[in-house]
N, C-alpha and C. Protein backbone atom coordinates (compact mmCIF):
# COMPACT_ATOMS: atom_id res chain seq x y z
N UNK A 1 46.91 -8.82 -80.23
CA UNK A 1 45.48 -8.93 -80.40
C UNK A 1 45.07 -10.39 -80.52
N UNK A 2 45.86 -11.16 -81.29
CA UNK A 2 45.55 -12.58 -81.47
C UNK A 2 45.62 -13.31 -80.12
N UNK A 3 46.56 -12.92 -79.26
CA UNK A 3 46.72 -13.52 -77.94
C UNK A 3 45.49 -13.24 -77.07
N UNK A 4 44.97 -12.00 -77.13
CA UNK A 4 43.77 -11.64 -76.37
C UNK A 4 42.55 -12.44 -76.84
N UNK A 5 42.42 -12.64 -78.14
CA UNK A 5 41.30 -13.40 -78.69
C UNK A 5 41.36 -14.85 -78.20
N UNK A 6 42.56 -15.39 -78.15
CA UNK A 6 42.76 -16.76 -77.66
C UNK A 6 42.31 -16.86 -76.20
N UNK A 7 42.68 -15.93 -75.35
CA UNK A 7 42.31 -15.93 -73.94
C UNK A 7 40.79 -15.79 -73.79
N UNK A 8 40.18 -14.91 -74.57
CA UNK A 8 38.73 -14.73 -74.50
C UNK A 8 38.01 -16.01 -74.90
N UNK A 9 38.46 -16.67 -75.96
CA UNK A 9 37.85 -17.93 -76.38
C UNK A 9 38.01 -19.00 -75.31
N UNK A 10 39.17 -19.07 -74.72
CA UNK A 10 39.42 -20.05 -73.67
C UNK A 10 38.52 -19.80 -72.46
N UNK A 11 38.37 -18.54 -72.07
CA UNK A 11 37.48 -18.19 -70.96
C UNK A 11 36.03 -18.52 -71.29
N UNK A 12 35.60 -18.28 -72.52
CA UNK A 12 34.23 -18.59 -72.92
C UNK A 12 33.97 -20.09 -72.87
N UNK A 13 34.92 -20.89 -73.28
CA UNK A 13 34.77 -22.36 -73.24
C UNK A 13 34.69 -22.82 -71.78
N UNK A 14 35.57 -22.32 -70.94
CA UNK A 14 35.55 -22.69 -69.52
C UNK A 14 34.23 -22.31 -68.87
N UNK A 15 33.72 -21.12 -69.16
CA UNK A 15 32.46 -20.67 -68.60
C UNK A 15 31.32 -21.58 -69.04
N UNK A 16 31.30 -21.96 -70.32
CA UNK A 16 30.21 -22.81 -70.80
C UNK A 16 30.27 -24.19 -70.17
N UNK A 17 31.46 -24.70 -69.92
CA UNK A 17 31.58 -26.01 -69.26
C UNK A 17 31.10 -25.94 -67.81
N UNK A 18 31.44 -24.88 -67.11
CA UNK A 18 31.03 -24.72 -65.72
C UNK A 18 29.53 -24.50 -65.63
N UNK A 19 28.96 -23.67 -66.48
CA UNK A 19 27.54 -23.36 -66.40
C UNK A 19 26.67 -24.55 -66.80
N UNK A 20 27.20 -25.48 -67.56
CA UNK A 20 26.43 -26.66 -67.95
C UNK A 20 26.56 -27.80 -66.95
N UNK A 21 27.42 -27.63 -65.96
CA UNK A 21 27.60 -28.68 -64.96
C UNK A 21 26.32 -28.86 -64.17
N UNK A 22 25.78 -30.06 -64.17
CA UNK A 22 24.54 -30.35 -63.47
C UNK A 22 24.86 -31.21 -62.26
N UNK A 23 24.10 -30.97 -61.22
CA UNK A 23 24.27 -31.75 -60.00
C UNK A 23 23.84 -33.19 -60.23
N UNK A 24 24.50 -34.10 -59.57
CA UNK A 24 24.14 -35.50 -59.66
C UNK A 24 23.18 -35.92 -58.57
N UNK A 25 22.85 -34.96 -57.66
CA UNK A 25 21.89 -35.31 -56.62
C UNK A 25 20.66 -34.42 -56.71
N UNK A 26 19.51 -34.99 -56.33
CA UNK A 26 18.27 -34.23 -56.24
C UNK A 26 18.26 -33.46 -54.92
N UNK A 27 17.49 -32.40 -54.88
CA UNK A 27 17.30 -31.62 -53.65
C UNK A 27 18.62 -31.08 -53.10
N UNK A 28 19.54 -30.73 -53.97
CA UNK A 28 20.87 -30.31 -53.53
C UNK A 28 20.83 -29.07 -52.63
N UNK A 29 20.05 -28.07 -52.99
CA UNK A 29 19.98 -26.85 -52.18
C UNK A 29 19.39 -27.16 -50.81
N UNK A 30 18.31 -27.94 -50.78
CA UNK A 30 17.69 -28.31 -49.51
C UNK A 30 18.66 -29.13 -48.65
N UNK A 31 19.37 -30.05 -49.30
CA UNK A 31 20.36 -30.85 -48.58
C UNK A 31 21.44 -29.95 -47.97
N UNK A 32 22.00 -29.05 -48.76
CA UNK A 32 23.07 -28.17 -48.27
C UNK A 32 22.59 -27.30 -47.12
N UNK A 33 21.37 -26.76 -47.22
CA UNK A 33 20.81 -25.96 -46.12
C UNK A 33 20.65 -26.81 -44.87
N UNK A 34 20.12 -28.01 -45.03
CA UNK A 34 19.93 -28.91 -43.91
C UNK A 34 21.26 -29.32 -43.29
N UNK A 35 22.24 -29.59 -44.12
CA UNK A 35 23.56 -29.99 -43.62
C UNK A 35 24.17 -28.87 -42.77
N UNK A 36 23.99 -27.63 -43.19
CA UNK A 36 24.48 -26.49 -42.40
C UNK A 36 23.78 -26.43 -41.05
N UNK A 37 22.47 -26.66 -41.04
CA UNK A 37 21.71 -26.68 -39.77
C UNK A 37 22.19 -27.84 -38.90
N UNK A 38 22.46 -28.99 -39.52
CA UNK A 38 22.95 -30.13 -38.77
C UNK A 38 24.29 -29.81 -38.11
N UNK A 39 25.21 -29.20 -38.86
CA UNK A 39 26.52 -28.86 -38.30
C UNK A 39 26.39 -27.92 -37.10
N UNK A 40 25.46 -26.96 -37.18
CA UNK A 40 25.24 -26.05 -36.06
C UNK A 40 24.66 -26.80 -34.86
N UNK A 41 23.71 -27.69 -35.10
CA UNK A 41 23.13 -28.50 -34.01
C UNK A 41 24.19 -29.40 -33.39
N UNK A 42 24.99 -30.04 -34.23
CA UNK A 42 26.04 -30.93 -33.74
C UNK A 42 27.00 -30.17 -32.82
N UNK A 43 27.35 -28.96 -33.22
CA UNK A 43 28.26 -28.15 -32.40
C UNK A 43 27.58 -27.76 -31.08
N UNK A 44 26.34 -27.30 -31.15
CA UNK A 44 25.66 -26.85 -29.93
C UNK A 44 25.37 -28.00 -28.97
N UNK A 45 25.23 -29.21 -29.48
CA UNK A 45 24.96 -30.38 -28.63
C UNK A 45 26.25 -31.09 -28.22
N UNK A 46 27.38 -30.54 -28.61
CA UNK A 46 28.69 -31.15 -28.37
C UNK A 46 28.75 -32.56 -28.96
N UNK A 47 28.07 -32.73 -30.10
CA UNK A 47 28.04 -34.00 -30.83
C UNK A 47 27.51 -35.14 -29.96
N UNK A 48 26.59 -34.81 -29.05
CA UNK A 48 25.93 -35.80 -28.19
C UNK A 48 24.43 -35.59 -28.33
N UNK A 49 23.77 -36.54 -28.94
CA UNK A 49 22.36 -36.38 -29.30
C UNK A 49 21.70 -37.75 -29.40
N UNK A 50 20.41 -37.70 -29.55
CA UNK A 50 19.61 -38.90 -29.72
C UNK A 50 18.69 -38.66 -30.91
N UNK A 51 18.46 -39.70 -31.69
CA UNK A 51 17.46 -39.58 -32.75
C UNK A 51 16.64 -40.86 -32.81
N UNK A 52 15.40 -40.70 -33.28
CA UNK A 52 14.51 -41.85 -33.42
C UNK A 52 14.13 -42.00 -34.89
N UNK A 53 14.41 -43.18 -35.41
CA UNK A 53 14.06 -43.51 -36.79
C UNK A 53 12.87 -44.47 -36.76
N UNK A 54 11.98 -44.33 -37.73
CA UNK A 54 10.78 -45.17 -37.79
C UNK A 54 10.69 -45.88 -39.13
N UNK A 55 10.08 -47.05 -39.07
CA UNK A 55 9.84 -47.85 -40.28
C UNK A 55 8.41 -48.35 -40.20
N UNK A 56 7.60 -47.98 -41.18
CA UNK A 56 6.20 -48.36 -41.20
C UNK A 56 5.92 -49.22 -42.42
N UNK A 57 5.15 -50.25 -42.22
CA UNK A 57 4.69 -51.07 -43.34
C UNK A 57 3.26 -51.51 -43.05
N UNK A 58 2.69 -52.24 -43.98
CA UNK A 58 1.32 -52.71 -43.77
C UNK A 58 1.25 -53.79 -42.70
N UNK A 59 2.38 -54.37 -42.30
CA UNK A 59 2.36 -55.44 -41.30
C UNK A 59 3.10 -55.10 -40.01
N UNK A 60 3.74 -53.93 -39.92
CA UNK A 60 4.47 -53.60 -38.69
C UNK A 60 4.73 -52.10 -38.56
N UNK A 61 5.00 -51.71 -37.31
CA UNK A 61 5.46 -50.36 -36.98
C UNK A 61 6.70 -50.54 -36.12
N UNK A 62 7.81 -49.97 -36.54
CA UNK A 62 9.06 -50.14 -35.81
C UNK A 62 9.68 -48.78 -35.52
N UNK A 63 10.28 -48.67 -34.34
CA UNK A 63 10.99 -47.45 -33.96
C UNK A 63 12.33 -47.84 -33.35
N UNK A 64 13.36 -47.13 -33.78
CA UNK A 64 14.71 -47.35 -33.25
C UNK A 64 15.24 -46.02 -32.73
N UNK A 65 15.64 -46.00 -31.47
CA UNK A 65 16.27 -44.80 -30.90
C UNK A 65 17.76 -45.06 -30.80
N UNK A 66 18.52 -44.11 -31.30
CA UNK A 66 19.98 -44.23 -31.30
C UNK A 66 20.57 -43.05 -30.53
N UNK A 67 21.43 -43.36 -29.57
CA UNK A 67 22.13 -42.34 -28.80
C UNK A 67 23.57 -42.24 -29.31
N UNK A 68 24.02 -41.00 -29.45
CA UNK A 68 25.39 -40.72 -29.88
C UNK A 68 26.01 -39.83 -28.82
N UNK A 69 27.14 -40.24 -28.29
CA UNK A 69 27.85 -39.48 -27.26
C UNK A 69 29.23 -39.12 -27.79
N UNK A 70 29.49 -37.83 -27.87
CA UNK A 70 30.78 -37.33 -28.40
C UNK A 70 31.10 -37.95 -29.76
N UNK A 71 30.08 -38.09 -30.61
CA UNK A 71 30.27 -38.57 -31.97
C UNK A 71 30.32 -40.07 -32.14
N UNK A 72 30.09 -40.83 -31.06
CA UNK A 72 30.15 -42.29 -31.13
C UNK A 72 28.80 -42.87 -30.71
N UNK A 73 28.28 -43.82 -31.47
CA UNK A 73 27.02 -44.48 -31.11
C UNK A 73 27.25 -45.27 -29.83
N UNK A 74 26.42 -45.00 -28.82
CA UNK A 74 26.58 -45.64 -27.52
C UNK A 74 25.38 -46.48 -27.10
N UNK A 75 24.28 -46.38 -27.83
CA UNK A 75 23.07 -47.12 -27.45
C UNK A 75 22.13 -47.21 -28.64
N UNK A 76 21.48 -48.38 -28.77
CA UNK A 76 20.42 -48.56 -29.77
C UNK A 76 19.28 -49.30 -29.09
N UNK A 77 18.11 -48.71 -29.16
CA UNK A 77 16.92 -49.27 -28.52
C UNK A 77 15.85 -49.47 -29.60
N UNK A 78 15.22 -50.63 -29.60
CA UNK A 78 14.31 -51.01 -30.68
C UNK A 78 12.99 -51.53 -30.13
N UNK A 79 11.91 -51.13 -30.80
CA UNK A 79 10.59 -51.69 -30.50
C UNK A 79 9.83 -51.84 -31.81
N UNK A 80 9.23 -52.99 -31.98
CA UNK A 80 8.47 -53.26 -33.19
C UNK A 80 7.17 -53.97 -32.83
N UNK A 81 6.08 -53.45 -33.35
CA UNK A 81 4.78 -54.09 -33.21
C UNK A 81 4.44 -54.71 -34.56
N UNK A 82 4.32 -56.01 -34.57
CA UNK A 82 4.01 -56.73 -35.81
C UNK A 82 2.56 -57.17 -35.76
N UNK A 83 1.83 -56.89 -36.84
CA UNK A 83 0.41 -57.22 -36.93
C UNK A 83 0.14 -58.51 -37.67
N UNK A 84 1.09 -58.93 -38.47
CA UNK A 84 0.89 -60.11 -39.30
C UNK A 84 2.19 -60.88 -39.40
N UNK A 85 2.23 -62.13 -39.30
CA UNK A 85 1.12 -63.08 -39.26
C UNK A 85 0.47 -63.20 -37.89
N UNK A 86 1.13 -62.72 -36.83
CA UNK A 86 0.50 -62.72 -35.51
C UNK A 86 0.83 -61.40 -34.82
N UNK A 87 -0.02 -61.04 -33.88
CA UNK A 87 0.25 -59.82 -33.12
C UNK A 87 1.33 -60.10 -32.09
N UNK A 88 2.45 -59.44 -32.22
CA UNK A 88 3.49 -59.57 -31.21
C UNK A 88 4.32 -58.30 -31.20
N UNK A 89 5.03 -58.12 -30.09
CA UNK A 89 5.90 -56.96 -29.92
C UNK A 89 7.31 -57.46 -29.62
N UNK A 90 8.26 -56.87 -30.29
CA UNK A 90 9.67 -57.19 -30.08
C UNK A 90 10.34 -55.95 -29.52
N UNK A 91 11.08 -56.12 -28.42
CA UNK A 91 11.82 -55.01 -27.81
C UNK A 91 13.20 -55.51 -27.41
N UNK A 92 14.18 -54.65 -27.58
CA UNK A 92 15.51 -54.94 -27.09
C UNK A 92 16.32 -53.65 -27.00
N UNK A 93 17.42 -53.72 -26.23
CA UNK A 93 18.32 -52.58 -26.06
C UNK A 93 19.74 -53.08 -26.19
N UNK A 94 20.53 -52.36 -26.97
CA UNK A 94 21.97 -52.60 -27.06
C UNK A 94 22.63 -51.41 -26.37
N UNK A 95 23.25 -51.65 -25.22
CA UNK A 95 23.78 -50.52 -24.45
C UNK A 95 25.26 -50.59 -24.17
N UNK A 96 25.92 -51.59 -24.68
CA UNK A 96 27.37 -51.69 -24.54
C UNK A 96 27.99 -51.60 -25.93
N UNK A 97 29.17 -51.05 -26.02
CA UNK A 97 29.82 -50.88 -27.32
C UNK A 97 29.93 -52.19 -28.10
N UNK A 98 30.17 -53.30 -27.40
CA UNK A 98 30.31 -54.58 -28.09
C UNK A 98 28.97 -55.19 -28.49
N UNK A 99 27.85 -54.59 -28.04
CA UNK A 99 26.52 -55.05 -28.42
C UNK A 99 25.94 -54.30 -29.62
N UNK A 100 26.43 -53.11 -29.87
CA UNK A 100 25.84 -52.24 -30.90
C UNK A 100 25.83 -52.96 -32.25
N UNK A 101 24.65 -52.97 -32.89
CA UNK A 101 24.40 -53.59 -34.20
C UNK A 101 24.50 -55.11 -34.19
N UNK A 102 24.29 -55.75 -33.04
CA UNK A 102 24.33 -57.21 -32.99
C UNK A 102 22.97 -57.84 -33.27
N UNK A 103 21.88 -57.11 -33.03
CA UNK A 103 20.56 -57.64 -33.36
C UNK A 103 20.30 -57.45 -34.85
N UNK A 104 19.61 -58.40 -35.44
CA UNK A 104 19.42 -58.37 -36.89
C UNK A 104 17.97 -58.22 -37.33
N UNK A 105 17.12 -57.61 -36.52
CA UNK A 105 15.74 -57.40 -36.94
C UNK A 105 15.71 -56.54 -38.19
N UNK A 106 15.00 -57.00 -39.19
CA UNK A 106 14.93 -56.32 -40.49
C UNK A 106 14.44 -54.89 -40.36
N UNK A 107 13.52 -54.65 -39.44
CA UNK A 107 12.93 -53.31 -39.31
C UNK A 107 13.79 -52.33 -38.52
N UNK A 108 14.81 -52.81 -37.84
CA UNK A 108 15.64 -51.95 -37.01
C UNK A 108 16.58 -51.10 -37.87
N UNK A 109 16.68 -49.85 -37.51
CA UNK A 109 17.62 -48.95 -38.17
C UNK A 109 19.02 -49.26 -37.65
N UNK A 110 19.97 -49.34 -38.56
CA UNK A 110 21.36 -49.58 -38.18
C UNK A 110 21.84 -48.43 -37.30
N UNK A 111 22.66 -48.76 -36.32
CA UNK A 111 23.17 -47.76 -35.39
C UNK A 111 24.31 -46.98 -36.04
N UNK A 112 23.96 -45.85 -36.63
CA UNK A 112 24.95 -44.97 -37.25
C UNK A 112 24.69 -43.54 -36.79
N UNK A 113 25.67 -42.69 -36.93
CA UNK A 113 25.53 -41.29 -36.54
C UNK A 113 24.78 -40.51 -37.62
N UNK A 114 24.32 -39.32 -37.25
CA UNK A 114 23.69 -38.46 -38.25
C UNK A 114 24.71 -37.99 -39.29
N UNK A 115 25.97 -37.90 -38.92
CA UNK A 115 27.00 -37.59 -39.92
C UNK A 115 26.99 -38.67 -41.00
N UNK A 116 26.88 -39.92 -40.59
CA UNK A 116 26.84 -41.02 -41.56
C UNK A 116 25.56 -40.99 -42.38
N UNK A 117 24.45 -40.60 -41.75
CA UNK A 117 23.19 -40.48 -42.48
C UNK A 117 23.29 -39.39 -43.53
N UNK A 118 23.86 -38.25 -43.19
CA UNK A 118 24.05 -37.19 -44.19
C UNK A 118 24.96 -37.66 -45.32
N UNK A 119 25.98 -38.41 -44.99
CA UNK A 119 26.87 -38.96 -46.02
C UNK A 119 26.10 -39.90 -46.94
N UNK A 120 25.33 -40.83 -46.36
CA UNK A 120 24.54 -41.76 -47.17
C UNK A 120 23.51 -41.02 -48.02
N UNK A 121 22.93 -39.96 -47.46
CA UNK A 121 21.96 -39.17 -48.21
C UNK A 121 22.59 -38.61 -49.48
N UNK A 122 23.76 -38.02 -49.34
CA UNK A 122 24.41 -37.37 -50.48
C UNK A 122 24.98 -38.35 -51.49
N UNK A 123 25.49 -39.48 -51.00
CA UNK A 123 26.19 -40.41 -51.91
C UNK A 123 25.32 -41.56 -52.40
N UNK A 124 24.16 -41.76 -51.77
CA UNK A 124 23.32 -42.89 -52.17
C UNK A 124 21.86 -42.51 -52.38
N UNK A 125 21.18 -42.03 -51.34
CA UNK A 125 19.74 -41.85 -51.40
C UNK A 125 19.28 -40.71 -52.30
N UNK A 126 20.06 -39.64 -52.41
CA UNK A 126 19.66 -38.49 -53.23
C UNK A 126 20.23 -38.52 -54.64
N UNK A 127 20.99 -39.54 -54.98
CA UNK A 127 21.56 -39.63 -56.33
C UNK A 127 20.42 -39.79 -57.33
N UNK A 128 20.45 -38.98 -58.39
CA UNK A 128 19.39 -39.02 -59.39
C UNK A 128 19.34 -40.39 -60.06
N UNK A 129 18.12 -40.92 -60.19
CA UNK A 129 17.88 -42.22 -60.82
C UNK A 129 16.66 -42.12 -61.70
N UNK A 130 16.72 -42.72 -62.86
CA UNK A 130 15.55 -42.78 -63.73
C UNK A 130 14.49 -43.66 -63.09
N UNK A 131 13.25 -43.22 -63.17
CA UNK A 131 12.13 -44.02 -62.69
C UNK A 131 11.97 -44.04 -61.18
N UNK A 132 12.70 -43.17 -60.48
CA UNK A 132 12.61 -43.15 -59.02
C UNK A 132 12.16 -41.78 -58.52
N UNK A 133 11.36 -41.80 -57.49
CA UNK A 133 10.93 -40.58 -56.81
C UNK A 133 11.90 -40.35 -55.65
N UNK A 134 12.66 -39.26 -55.72
CA UNK A 134 13.64 -38.94 -54.69
C UNK A 134 12.95 -38.01 -53.68
N UNK A 135 13.05 -38.37 -52.40
CA UNK A 135 12.34 -37.64 -51.34
C UNK A 135 13.37 -37.07 -50.35
N UNK A 136 13.19 -35.79 -49.99
CA UNK A 136 14.03 -35.17 -48.97
C UNK A 136 13.18 -34.16 -48.21
N UNK A 137 13.02 -34.36 -46.91
CA UNK A 137 12.31 -33.40 -46.07
C UNK A 137 13.14 -33.17 -44.81
N UNK A 138 12.83 -32.06 -44.13
CA UNK A 138 13.52 -31.73 -42.89
C UNK A 138 12.49 -31.48 -41.79
N UNK A 139 12.96 -31.51 -40.55
CA UNK A 139 12.08 -31.21 -39.43
C UNK A 139 12.05 -29.70 -39.19
N UNK A 140 11.40 -29.28 -38.11
CA UNK A 140 11.27 -27.85 -37.84
C UNK A 140 12.61 -27.17 -37.53
N UNK A 141 13.63 -27.95 -37.18
CA UNK A 141 14.97 -27.41 -36.93
C UNK A 141 15.78 -27.31 -38.22
N UNK A 142 15.26 -27.90 -39.30
CA UNK A 142 15.98 -27.93 -40.57
C UNK A 142 16.85 -29.16 -40.73
N UNK A 143 16.79 -30.09 -39.77
CA UNK A 143 17.60 -31.31 -39.81
C UNK A 143 16.86 -32.37 -40.62
N UNK A 144 17.61 -33.20 -41.31
CA UNK A 144 17.07 -34.25 -42.16
C UNK A 144 15.97 -35.04 -41.43
N UNK A 145 14.88 -35.28 -42.14
CA UNK A 145 13.76 -36.02 -41.56
C UNK A 145 13.45 -37.25 -42.40
N UNK A 146 13.13 -37.05 -43.66
CA UNK A 146 12.92 -38.18 -44.57
C UNK A 146 13.85 -38.01 -45.75
N UNK A 147 14.56 -39.05 -46.08
CA UNK A 147 15.48 -39.00 -47.20
C UNK A 147 15.56 -40.39 -47.81
N UNK A 148 15.32 -40.46 -49.12
CA UNK A 148 15.43 -41.74 -49.80
C UNK A 148 14.73 -41.72 -51.13
N UNK A 149 14.44 -42.91 -51.62
CA UNK A 149 13.80 -43.02 -52.93
C UNK A 149 12.91 -44.25 -52.99
N UNK A 150 11.95 -44.18 -53.92
CA UNK A 150 11.11 -45.33 -54.25
C UNK A 150 10.66 -45.16 -55.69
N UNK A 151 10.17 -46.23 -56.27
CA UNK A 151 9.75 -46.19 -57.67
C UNK A 151 8.68 -45.13 -57.88
N UNK A 152 8.76 -44.44 -59.03
CA UNK A 152 7.74 -43.47 -59.42
C UNK A 152 6.37 -44.14 -59.49
N UNK A 153 5.35 -43.41 -59.10
CA UNK A 153 3.96 -43.85 -59.22
C UNK A 153 3.71 -45.21 -58.59
N UNK A 154 4.38 -45.50 -57.50
CA UNK A 154 4.23 -46.79 -56.83
C UNK A 154 4.25 -46.59 -55.32
N UNK A 155 3.15 -46.09 -54.75
CA UNK A 155 3.15 -45.82 -53.32
C UNK A 155 3.32 -47.07 -52.46
N UNK A 156 3.03 -48.25 -53.01
CA UNK A 156 3.18 -49.49 -52.25
C UNK A 156 4.58 -50.09 -52.36
N UNK A 157 5.42 -49.54 -53.22
CA UNK A 157 6.78 -50.07 -53.39
C UNK A 157 7.62 -49.70 -52.17
N UNK A 158 8.64 -50.50 -51.92
CA UNK A 158 9.47 -50.26 -50.74
C UNK A 158 10.27 -48.97 -50.89
N UNK A 159 10.52 -48.35 -49.76
CA UNK A 159 11.26 -47.11 -49.67
C UNK A 159 12.68 -47.44 -49.23
N UNK A 160 13.66 -46.89 -49.91
CA UNK A 160 15.06 -47.06 -49.53
C UNK A 160 15.55 -45.73 -48.99
N UNK A 161 15.92 -45.71 -47.72
CA UNK A 161 16.36 -44.47 -47.10
C UNK A 161 16.08 -44.50 -45.63
N UNK A 162 15.75 -43.32 -45.07
CA UNK A 162 15.55 -43.20 -43.64
C UNK A 162 14.40 -42.24 -43.34
N UNK A 163 13.65 -42.56 -42.28
CA UNK A 163 12.63 -41.67 -41.72
C UNK A 163 13.06 -41.37 -40.29
N UNK A 164 13.35 -40.10 -40.01
CA UNK A 164 13.74 -39.70 -38.66
C UNK A 164 12.65 -38.78 -38.13
N UNK A 165 12.04 -39.16 -37.01
CA UNK A 165 10.95 -38.33 -36.50
C UNK A 165 11.30 -37.56 -35.23
N UNK A 166 12.54 -37.67 -34.77
CA UNK A 166 12.94 -36.87 -33.62
C UNK A 166 14.45 -36.82 -33.51
N UNK A 167 14.96 -35.62 -33.29
CA UNK A 167 16.39 -35.41 -32.99
C UNK A 167 16.43 -34.49 -31.80
N UNK A 168 17.18 -34.89 -30.78
CA UNK A 168 17.28 -34.04 -29.59
C UNK A 168 18.67 -34.15 -28.97
N UNK A 169 19.02 -33.11 -28.23
CA UNK A 169 20.30 -33.08 -27.54
C UNK A 169 20.30 -34.14 -26.45
N UNK A 170 21.40 -34.81 -26.32
CA UNK A 170 21.60 -35.79 -25.26
C UNK A 170 22.39 -35.10 -24.16
N UNK A 171 21.71 -34.79 -23.08
CA UNK A 171 22.36 -34.08 -22.00
C UNK A 171 23.23 -35.02 -21.20
N UNK A 172 24.49 -34.69 -21.07
CA UNK A 172 25.44 -35.54 -20.38
C UNK A 172 25.61 -35.06 -18.95
N UNK A 173 25.78 -36.02 -18.07
CA UNK A 173 26.03 -35.71 -16.65
C UNK A 173 27.48 -35.24 -16.52
N UNK A 174 27.66 -34.16 -15.84
CA UNK A 174 29.03 -33.67 -15.58
C UNK A 174 29.61 -34.43 -14.40
N UNK A 175 30.89 -34.81 -14.49
CA UNK A 175 31.54 -35.49 -13.37
C UNK A 175 31.96 -34.52 -12.30
């Protein structure tokens, strides 16, 4: 009888430790659902896709399109319209493997795969922080759209994360 009581107490302690375990990331359920949708999309596209990330500020609008072929970034295309201090447009394309991520425009999204974006989302952008508003949204396919954080009650503060406004299959030419 004493042995059974010991096992019951041990099980009760283990249960209380497990039930009190709190997630270290915000939006965990939404993230997990989105990640499942991403894995299905990645499989159906044969891990060849294109996505467009955007960066908006009071002085510029920037868009970066990244192509991924068989899981490897193969192209990064950038366009930025700057309103201040002068009106100008910057455009460039990195289309060779040795060119990828060689341009250093501040507004350009780094050429990484969506797998890497999901990793950064879980390990960096969605980590709970005091005084920060954690944001996670998905597109109509359920794939990550906006993910990151900024200071609470500070709409003008900078956003750390990513805004993706389009993900599509990259159709490959058959040889």
